[in-house]
């Protein structure tokens, strides 16, 4: 029966280093290639834009009066128009933090 070929510790260490480097390079390449495309902004209706502008005006007035920059805003369907500005209002207010 033939004896198995003995390999040195240095050979095993070099093999592990090469495999780890290849794995890191592959991971970096996959992460770079799978970056999500930026989502285009959806248009905001005139009613929602007006509502958000009104909230901004109220915040500016409260800040001038020394009341701070806090406001309570509700987004709901108004007057049966079927328009709900929840997402637009949340995005706008969270963007200002």
C-alpha atoms as a PDB file:
ATOM      1  CA  UNK A   1       0.000   0.000   0.000  1.00  0.00           C
ATOM      2  CA  UNK A   2       1.517   3.368  -0.994  1.00  0.00           C
ATOM      3  CA  UNK A   3       2.199   5.937   1.681  1.00  0.00           C
ATOM      4  CA  UNK A   4       0.168   9.184   1.476  1.00  0.00           C
ATOM      5  CA  UNK A   5       2.009  12.249   0.319  1.00  0.00           C
ATOM      6  CA  UNK A   6       2.919  14.454   3.264  1.00  0.00           C
ATOM      7  CA  UNK A   7       2.405  18.156   2.844  1.00  0.00           C
ATOM      8  CA  UNK A   8       3.927  20.750   5.072  1.00  0.00           C
ATOM      9  CA  UNK A   9       2.062  23.152   7.304  1.00  0.00           C
ATOM     10  CA  UNK A  10       3.269  26.033   5.182  1.00  0.00           C
ATOM     11  CA  UNK A  11       1.547  24.559   2.109  1.00  0.00           C
ATOM     12  CA  UNK A  12      -1.741  24.208   4.011  1.00  0.00           C
ATOM     13  CA  UNK A  13      -1.474  27.770   5.337  1.00  0.00           C
ATOM     14  CA  UNK A  14      -0.832  29.145   1.836  1.00  0.00           C
ATOM     15  CA  UNK A  15      -3.775  27.167   0.484  1.00  0.00           C
ATOM     16  CA  UNK A  16      -6.102  28.582   3.167  1.00  0.00           C
ATOM     17  CA  UNK A  17      -4.878  32.143   2.522  1.00  0.00           C
ATOM     18  CA  UNK A  18      -5.507  31.749  -1.214  1.00  0.00           C
ATOM     19  CA  UNK A  19      -8.992  30.329  -0.623  1.00  0.00           C
ATOM     20  CA  UNK A  20      -9.899  33.092   1.834  1.00  0.00           C
ATOM     21  CA  UNK A  21      -8.655  35.804  -0.523  1.00  0.00           C
ATOM     22  CA  UNK A  22     -10.640  34.286  -3.395  1.00  0.00           C
ATOM     23  CA  UNK A  23     -13.751  34.148  -1.200  1.00  0.00           C
ATOM     24  CA  UNK A  24     -13.372  37.763  -0.120  1.00  0.00           C
ATOM     25  CA  UNK A  25     -12.838  38.906  -3.704  1.00  0.00           C
ATOM     26  CA  UNK A  26     -15.897  36.970  -4.881  1.00  0.00           C
ATOM     27  CA  UNK A  27     -18.027  38.393  -2.064  1.00  0.00           C
ATOM     28  CA  UNK A  28     -16.917  41.953  -2.835  1.00  0.00           C
ATOM     29  CA  UNK A  29     -17.677  41.433  -6.510  1.00  0.00           C
ATOM     30  CA  UNK A  30     -21.137  40.071  -5.801  1.00  0.00           C
ATOM     31  CA  UNK A  31     -21.960  42.878  -3.387  1.00  0.00           C
ATOM     32  CA  UNK A  32     -20.872  45.501  -5.903  1.00  0.00           C
ATOM     33  CA  UNK A  33     -22.847  43.976  -8.747  1.00  0.00           C
ATOM     34  CA  UNK A  34     -26.045  43.446  -6.768  1.00  0.00           C
ATOM     35  CA  UNK A  35     -26.464  47.025  -5.562  1.00  0.00           C
ATOM     36  CA  UNK A  36     -30.124  47.972  -5.990  1.00  0.00           C
ATOM     37  CA  UNK A  37     -31.000  50.582  -8.566  1.00  0.00           C
ATOM     38  CA  UNK A  38     -32.324  53.805  -7.038  1.00  0.00           C
ATOM     39  CA  UNK A  39     -36.093  53.928  -7.187  1.00  0.00           C
ATOM     40  CA  UNK A  40     -37.486  56.837  -9.176  1.00  0.00           C
ATOM     41  CA  UNK A  41     -39.543  59.212  -7.095  1.00  0.00           C
ATOM     42  CA  UNK A  42     -43.236  58.874  -7.697  1.00  0.00           C
ATOM     43  CA  UNK A  43     -45.063  62.092  -8.477  1.00  0.00           C
ATOM     44  CA  UNK A  44     -46.863  63.776  -5.587  1.00  0.00           C
ATOM     45  CA  UNK A  45     -50.396  64.957  -6.202  1.00  0.00           C
ATOM     46  CA  UNK A  46     -51.168  68.669  -5.927  1.00  0.00           C
ATOM     47  CA  UNK A  47     -53.392  68.053  -2.918  1.00  0.00           C
ATOM     48  CA  UNK A  48     -50.648  66.211  -1.030  1.00  0.00           C
ATOM     49  CA  UNK A  49     -48.046  68.832  -1.976  1.00  0.00           C
ATOM     50  CA  UNK A  50     -50.368  71.545  -0.632  1.00  0.00           C
ATOM     51  CA  UNK A  51     -50.939  69.586   2.578  1.00  0.00           C
ATOM     52  CA  UNK A  52     -47.191  69.069   3.119  1.00  0.00           C
ATOM     53  CA  UNK A  53     -46.544  72.774   2.416  1.00  0.00           C
ATOM     54  CA  UNK A  54     -49.191  73.665   5.008  1.00  0.00           C
ATOM     55  CA  UNK A  55     -47.460  71.442   7.576  1.00  0.00           C
ATOM     56  CA  UNK A  56     -44.118  73.124   6.783  1.00  0.00           C
ATOM     57  CA  UNK A  57     -45.717  76.555   7.224  1.00  0.00           C
ATOM     58  CA  UNK A  58     -47.142  75.545  10.602  1.00  0.00           C
ATOM     59  CA  UNK A  59     -43.749  74.210  11.698  1.00  0.00           C
ATOM     60  CA  UNK A  60     -42.068  77.475  10.675  1.00  0.00           C
ATOM     61  CA  UNK A  61     -44.668  79.525  12.581  1.00  0.00           C
ATOM     62  CA  UNK A  62     -44.271  77.361  15.690  1.00  0.00           C
ATOM     63  CA  UNK A  63     -40.496  77.741  15.547  1.00  0.00           C
ATOM     64  CA  UNK A  64     -40.762  81.535  15.216  1.00  0.00           C
ATOM     65  CA  UNK A  65     -43.087  81.706  18.217  1.00  0.00           C
ATOM     66  CA  UNK A  66     -40.556  79.777  20.258  1.00  0.00           C
ATOM     67  CA  UNK A  67     -42.669  76.656  20.472  1.00  0.00           C
ATOM     68  CA  UNK A  68     -39.933  74.479  19.042  1.00  0.00           C
ATOM     69  CA  UNK A  69     -40.066  72.479  15.871  1.00  0.00           C
ATOM     70  CA  UNK A  70     -42.670  69.924  16.865  1.00  0.00           C
ATOM     71  CA  UNK A  71     -46.018  69.401  15.219  1.00  0.00           C
ATOM     72  CA  UNK A  72     -48.818  66.892  15.217  1.00  0.00           C
ATOM     73  CA  UNK A  73     -49.944  66.047  11.685  1.00  0.00           C
ATOM     74  CA  UNK A  74     -52.659  63.706  10.534  1.00  0.00           C
ATOM     75  CA  UNK A  75     -52.840  62.265   7.087  1.00  0.00           C
ATOM     76  CA  UNK A  76     -56.229  60.985   6.095  1.00  0.00           C
ATOM     77  CA  UNK A  77     -58.629  60.875   3.205  1.00  0.00           C
ATOM     78  CA  UNK A  78     -60.329  64.271   3.102  1.00  0.00           C
ATOM     79  CA  UNK A  79     -63.665  65.099   1.580  1.00  0.00           C
ATOM     80  CA  UNK A  80     -64.081  61.845  -0.264  1.00  0.00           C
ATOM     81  CA  UNK A  81     -61.330  62.647  -2.748  1.00  0.00           C
ATOM     82  CA  UNK A  82     -59.743  59.271  -2.177  1.00  0.00           C
ATOM     83  CA  UNK A  83     -56.313  60.870  -1.719  1.00  0.00           C
ATOM     84  CA  UNK A  84     -54.171  59.580   1.150  1.00  0.00           C
ATOM     85  CA  UNK A  85     -50.896  61.435   1.739  1.00  0.00           C
ATOM     86  CA  UNK A  86     -49.457  59.072   4.369  1.00  0.00           C
ATOM     87  CA  UNK A  87     -46.339  58.068   2.451  1.00  0.00           C
ATOM     88  CA  UNK A  88     -45.570  61.555   1.142  1.00  0.00           C
ATOM     89  CA  UNK A  89     -45.963  63.128   4.574  1.00  0.00           C
ATOM     90  CA  UNK A  90     -43.837  60.461   6.300  1.00  0.00           C
ATOM     91  CA  UNK A  91     -41.061  60.743   3.699  1.00  0.00           C
ATOM     92  CA  UNK A  92     -41.066  64.527   3.898  1.00  0.00           C
ATOM     93  CA  UNK A  93     -41.022  64.750   7.690  1.00  0.00           C
ATOM     94  CA  UNK A  94     -38.444  61.984   8.175  1.00  0.00           C
ATOM     95  CA  UNK A  95     -36.220  63.639   5.571  1.00  0.00           C
ATOM     96  CA  UNK A  96     -36.124  66.792   7.699  1.00  0.00           C
ATOM     97  CA  UNK A  97     -34.753  65.100  10.835  1.00  0.00           C
END
